């Protein structure tokens, strides 16, 4: 399935869950990690496993730049993904 997006729409027009998923998926710092998330009313909860504390922190840093993210609950565990 191909998803088309309009170029003239502002990024903030997309739902928060879409923007969080895209940010996590496109980050070069998170390869090898297994991260799940939920997003509702500006609160993003991260769960899963990262291979290092650096990856855990980078998952949070990537999301802090997104509009409408008011709080990040980082419950990612560090270990083998």
Protein backbone atom coordinates (compact mmCIF):
# COMPACT_ATOMS: atom_id res chain seq x y z
CA UNK A 1 0.00 0.00 0.00
CA UNK A 2 1.34 3.41 -0.93
CA UNK A 3 0.45 6.34 1.26
CA UNK A 4 0.37 9.70 -0.45
CA UNK A 5 0.87 12.93 1.43
CA UNK A 6 0.22 16.45 0.30
CA UNK A 7 3.32 18.58 0.16
CA UNK A 8 1.48 21.81 0.93
CA UNK A 9 0.10 20.59 4.28
CA UNK A 10 2.03 21.54 7.40
CA UNK A 11 3.63 18.64 9.25
CA UNK A 12 1.59 19.48 12.35
CA UNK A 13 -1.56 18.58 10.40
CA UNK A 14 -0.71 14.89 10.77
CA UNK A 15 -1.86 12.98 13.87
CA UNK A 16 0.61 12.81 16.73
CA UNK A 17 0.94 9.02 16.46
CA UNK A 18 1.95 9.33 12.80
CA UNK A 19 4.59 11.96 13.58
CA UNK A 20 6.00 9.97 16.51
CA UNK A 21 6.23 6.79 14.42
CA UNK A 22 7.93 8.65 11.57
CA UNK A 23 10.44 10.34 13.92
CA UNK A 24 11.39 7.07 15.61
CA UNK A 25 11.59 5.16 12.33
CA UNK A 26 13.74 7.78 10.58
CA UNK A 27 16.25 8.30 13.39
CA UNK A 28 19.67 6.85 12.49
CA UNK A 29 20.43 6.46 16.21
CA UNK A 30 17.77 3.84 16.91
CA UNK A 31 18.74 0.99 14.60
CA UNK A 32 18.80 -2.32 16.46
CA UNK A 33 16.33 -1.16 19.07
CA UNK A 34 12.81 -2.45 19.55
CA UNK A 35 10.65 0.49 20.60
CA UNK A 36 6.89 0.61 21.01
CA UNK A 37 4.97 3.73 21.89
CA UNK A 38 1.58 5.13 22.71
CA UNK A 39 0.62 8.76 22.22
CA UNK A 40 -2.42 10.53 23.57
CA UNK A 41 -3.17 14.15 24.44
CA UNK A 42 0.47 15.22 24.17
CA UNK A 43 1.83 12.39 26.34
CA UNK A 44 4.08 9.85 24.62
CA UNK A 45 4.96 6.64 26.46
CA UNK A 46 7.96 4.69 25.16
CA UNK A 47 8.40 0.99 25.88
CA UNK A 48 10.61 -1.75 24.55
CA UNK A 49 14.33 -2.40 24.46
CA UNK A 50 17.36 -0.41 23.36
CA UNK A 51 20.89 -1.77 23.05
CA UNK A 52 22.40 1.16 24.99
CA UNK A 53 21.52 4.02 27.31
CA UNK A 54 22.48 6.33 24.46
CA UNK A 55 19.72 4.85 22.28
CA UNK A 56 17.24 5.17 25.13
CA UNK A 57 18.09 8.85 25.48
CA UNK A 58 18.08 9.47 21.72
CA UNK A 59 14.55 8.06 21.41
CA UNK A 60 13.45 10.71 23.89
CA UNK A 61 15.50 13.49 22.28
CA UNK A 62 14.02 12.83 18.83
CA UNK A 63 10.49 13.25 20.19
CA UNK A 64 11.14 16.40 22.21
CA UNK A 65 11.38 18.34 18.95
CA UNK A 66 7.86 17.39 17.82
CA UNK A 67 5.00 19.83 18.14
CA UNK A 68 2.23 18.78 20.55
CA UNK A 69 4.54 16.53 22.63
CA UNK A 70 4.14 17.85 26.16
CA UNK A 71 5.49 14.90 28.12
CA UNK A 72 7.59 11.80 27.41
CA UNK A 73 7.40 8.79 29.71
CA UNK A 74 10.51 6.82 28.77
CA UNK A 75 10.10 3.22 29.97
CA UNK A 76 12.58 1.73 27.52
CA UNK A 77 14.77 -0.96 29.03
CA UNK A 78 18.42 -1.29 28.09
CA UNK A 79 19.57 -4.72 27.02
CA UNK A 80 19.67 -6.92 23.97
CA UNK A 81 16.88 -5.92 21.58
